[in-house]
């Protein structure tokens, strides 16, 4: 992996901190089970809300208008 600084002049400490973050993130992605990303995709899917009945209009509707879990 090659990383190139294209703007600015980071100190060695700043560069080391940035590289540490990149390495930790890459290690976390590499060690994550393959099913972990699927649950995140299904959580953010807007069709998930359409599967539930929407609240009927009325004075207490605002209290039932949250995203169902």
N, C-alpha and C. Protein backbone atom coordinates (compact mmCIF):
# COMPACT_ATOMS: atom_id res chain seq x y z
N UNK A 1 0.85 -1.16 0.00
CA UNK A 1 0.00 0.00 0.00
C UNK A 1 0.90 1.23 0.00
N UNK A 2 0.59 2.16 -0.88
CA UNK A 2 1.34 3.40 -0.98
C UNK A 2 0.44 4.56 -0.60
N UNK A 3 0.94 5.41 0.28
CA UNK A 3 0.20 6.60 0.67
C UNK A 3 1.05 7.81 0.32
N UNK A 4 0.40 8.77 -0.31
CA UNK A 4 1.10 9.95 -0.78
C UNK A 4 0.43 11.19 -0.21
N UNK A 5 1.21 12.11 0.36
CA UNK A 5 0.68 13.37 0.85
C UNK A 5 0.62 14.32 -0.33
N UNK A 6 -0.58 14.76 -0.68
CA UNK A 6 -0.75 15.63 -1.84
C UNK A 6 -0.94 17.09 -1.47
N UNK A 7 -1.20 17.37 -0.22
CA UNK A 7 -1.38 18.76 0.19
C UNK A 7 -0.90 18.92 1.63
N UNK A 8 -0.22 19.99 1.89
CA UNK A 8 0.24 20.28 3.24
C UNK A 8 1.60 19.67 3.52
N UNK A 9 2.06 19.88 4.73
CA UNK A 9 3.37 19.38 5.15
C UNK A 9 3.20 18.81 6.56
N UNK A 10 2.73 17.55 6.68
CA UNK A 10 2.48 16.99 8.01
C UNK A 10 3.79 16.71 8.75
N UNK A 11 3.71 16.85 10.05
CA UNK A 11 4.86 16.48 10.88
C UNK A 11 4.94 14.96 10.92
N UNK A 12 6.07 14.43 11.31
CA UNK A 12 6.17 12.96 11.42
C UNK A 12 5.13 12.38 12.37
N UNK A 13 4.79 13.10 13.45
CA UNK A 13 3.80 12.62 14.40
C UNK A 13 2.41 12.59 13.77
N UNK A 14 2.06 13.64 13.01
CA UNK A 14 0.76 13.67 12.35
C UNK A 14 0.64 12.57 11.31
N UNK A 15 1.70 12.35 10.56
CA UNK A 15 1.70 11.30 9.55
C UNK A 15 1.57 9.92 10.21
N UNK A 16 2.28 9.72 11.32
CA UNK A 16 2.19 8.44 12.03
C UNK A 16 0.78 8.21 12.58
N UNK A 17 0.15 9.26 13.08
CA UNK A 17 -1.22 9.13 13.59
C UNK A 17 -2.19 8.77 12.47
N UNK A 18 -2.05 9.44 11.33
CA UNK A 18 -2.94 9.15 10.20
C UNK A 18 -2.74 7.72 9.70
N UNK A 19 -1.51 7.28 9.62
CA UNK A 19 -1.24 5.92 9.16
C UNK A 19 -1.75 4.88 10.16
N UNK A 20 -1.68 5.20 11.45
CA UNK A 20 -2.19 4.27 12.46
C UNK A 20 -3.70 4.09 12.29
N UNK A 21 -4.41 5.17 12.02
CA UNK A 21 -5.85 5.09 11.82
C UNK A 21 -6.17 4.25 10.58
N UNK A 22 -5.43 4.47 9.51
CA UNK A 22 -5.66 3.71 8.28
C UNK A 22 -5.38 2.23 8.50
N UNK A 23 -4.32 1.91 9.22
CA UNK A 23 -3.99 0.50 9.48
C UNK A 23 -5.03 -0.19 10.35
N UNK A 24 -5.49 0.50 11.39
CA UNK A 24 -6.50 -0.08 12.28
C UNK A 24 -7.80 -0.31 11.51
N UNK A 25 -8.18 0.65 10.70
CA UNK A 25 -9.41 0.51 9.91
C UNK A 25 -9.30 -0.65 8.91
N UNK A 26 -8.15 -0.76 8.26
CA UNK A 26 -7.95 -1.85 7.30
C UNK A 26 -7.97 -3.20 8.01
N UNK A 27 -7.40 -3.27 9.20
CA UNK A 27 -7.39 -4.53 9.95
C UNK A 27 -8.81 -4.88 10.41
N UNK A 28 -9.60 -3.88 10.79
CA UNK A 28 -10.97 -4.14 11.23
C UNK A 28 -11.82 -4.64 10.07
N UNK A 29 -11.64 -4.07 8.89
CA UNK A 29 -12.41 -4.50 7.72
C UNK A 29 -12.00 -5.91 7.32
N UNK A 30 -10.71 -6.20 7.39
CA UNK A 30 -10.22 -7.51 6.99
C UNK A 30 -10.68 -8.61 7.95
N UNK A 31 -10.83 -8.29 9.24
CA UNK A 31 -11.19 -9.31 10.22
C UNK A 31 -12.70 -9.39 10.47
N UNK A 32 -13.48 -8.49 9.89
CA UNK A 32 -14.93 -8.51 10.10
C UNK A 32 -15.54 -9.70 9.38
N UNK A 33 -16.50 -10.36 10.03
CA UNK A 33 -17.19 -11.46 9.35
C UNK A 33 -18.00 -10.94 8.17
N UNK A 34 -18.18 -11.78 7.17
CA UNK A 34 -18.84 -11.34 5.95
C UNK A 34 -20.29 -10.96 6.18
N UNK A 35 -20.95 -11.48 7.19
CA UNK A 35 -22.34 -11.17 7.46
C UNK A 35 -22.54 -9.83 8.15
N UNK A 36 -21.48 -9.23 8.68
CA UNK A 36 -21.63 -7.98 9.43
C UNK A 36 -22.08 -6.85 8.53
N UNK A 37 -21.61 -6.79 7.30
CA UNK A 37 -22.02 -5.69 6.42
C UNK A 37 -23.46 -5.85 5.96
N UNK A 38 -23.96 -7.08 5.90
CA UNK A 38 -25.33 -7.31 5.47
C UNK A 38 -26.35 -6.74 6.45
N UNK A 39 -26.07 -6.83 7.75
CA UNK A 39 -27.00 -6.29 8.72
C UNK A 39 -27.05 -4.77 8.63
N UNK A 40 -25.94 -4.14 8.33
CA UNK A 40 -25.93 -2.69 8.19
C UNK A 40 -26.72 -2.28 6.95
N UNK A 41 -26.60 -3.02 5.87
CA UNK A 41 -27.35 -2.69 4.67
C UNK A 41 -28.85 -2.84 4.89
N UNK A 42 -29.26 -3.88 5.58
CA UNK A 42 -30.68 -4.07 5.81
C UNK A 42 -31.22 -3.02 6.77
N UNK A 43 -30.41 -2.55 7.71
CA UNK A 43 -30.85 -1.53 8.64
C UNK A 43 -31.13 -0.22 7.91
N UNK A 44 -30.29 0.14 6.95
CA UNK A 44 -30.44 1.42 6.26
C UNK A 44 -31.36 1.34 5.05
N UNK A 45 -31.96 0.19 4.80
CA UNK A 45 -32.83 0.02 3.65
C UNK A 45 -34.18 0.70 3.90
N UNK A 46 -34.56 1.69 3.08
CA UNK A 46 -35.84 2.38 3.29
C UNK A 46 -37.05 1.46 3.13
N UNK A 47 -36.92 0.38 2.39
CA UNK A 47 -38.04 -0.54 2.20
C UNK A 47 -38.42 -1.23 3.50
N UNK A 48 -37.54 -1.22 4.47
CA UNK A 48 -37.81 -1.83 5.76
C UNK A 48 -38.99 -1.14 6.45
N UNK A 49 -39.11 0.16 6.26
CA UNK A 49 -40.19 0.91 6.89
C UNK A 49 -41.52 0.61 6.20
N UNK A 50 -41.48 0.43 4.90
CA UNK A 50 -42.71 0.19 4.15
C UNK A 50 -43.35 -1.13 4.53
N UNK A 51 -42.61 -2.02 5.15
CA UNK A 51 -43.16 -3.31 5.55
C UNK A 51 -44.10 -3.17 6.74
N UNK A 52 -44.04 -2.04 7.45
CA UNK A 52 -44.88 -1.83 8.62
C UNK A 52 -46.00 -0.84 8.28
N UNK A 53 -47.08 -0.99 8.96
CA UNK A 53 -48.20 -0.09 8.75
C UNK A 53 -47.87 1.28 9.33
N UNK A 54 -48.11 2.32 8.56
CA UNK A 54 -47.85 3.67 9.01
C UNK A 54 -48.96 4.12 9.95
N UNK A 55 -48.64 5.00 10.92
CA UNK A 55 -49.66 5.46 11.85
C UNK A 55 -50.71 6.31 11.16
N UNK A 56 -51.95 6.21 11.64
CA UNK A 56 -53.04 7.00 11.10
C UNK A 56 -52.93 8.43 11.63
N UNK A 57 -53.35 9.42 10.85
CA UNK A 57 -53.30 10.80 11.32
C UNK A 57 -54.13 11.00 12.58
N UNK A 58 -53.63 11.85 13.44
CA UNK A 58 -54.35 12.14 14.68
C UNK A 58 -53.47 12.92 15.63
N UNK A 59 -53.99 13.30 16.78
CA UNK A 59 -53.22 14.14 17.70
C UNK A 59 -52.01 13.45 18.32
N UNK A 60 -51.98 12.13 18.36
CA UNK A 60 -50.83 11.44 18.96
C UNK A 60 -49.92 10.78 17.93
N UNK A 61 -50.13 11.09 16.67
CA UNK A 61 -49.33 10.45 15.62
C UNK A 61 -47.85 10.77 15.73
N UNK A 62 -47.52 11.98 16.16
CA UNK A 62 -46.12 12.37 16.25
C UNK A 62 -45.35 11.43 17.18
N UNK A 63 -45.99 10.91 18.19
CA UNK A 63 -45.32 10.02 19.13
C UNK A 63 -45.08 8.65 18.56
N UNK A 64 -45.78 8.28 17.50
CA UNK A 64 -45.61 6.96 16.88
C UNK A 64 -44.88 7.05 15.54
N UNK A 65 -44.29 8.21 15.24
CA UNK A 65 -43.69 8.40 13.94
C UNK A 65 -42.20 8.10 13.90
N UNK A 66 -41.65 7.48 14.91
CA UNK A 66 -40.24 7.11 14.91
C UNK A 66 -39.99 5.94 13.97
N UNK A 67 -38.72 5.69 13.66
CA UNK A 67 -38.35 4.55 12.80
C UNK A 67 -38.48 3.29 13.63
N UNK A 68 -39.29 2.33 13.20
CA UNK A 68 -39.45 1.11 13.99
C UNK A 68 -38.17 0.31 14.06
N UNK A 69 -37.92 -0.30 15.18
CA UNK A 69 -36.67 -1.04 15.39
C UNK A 69 -36.89 -2.45 15.33
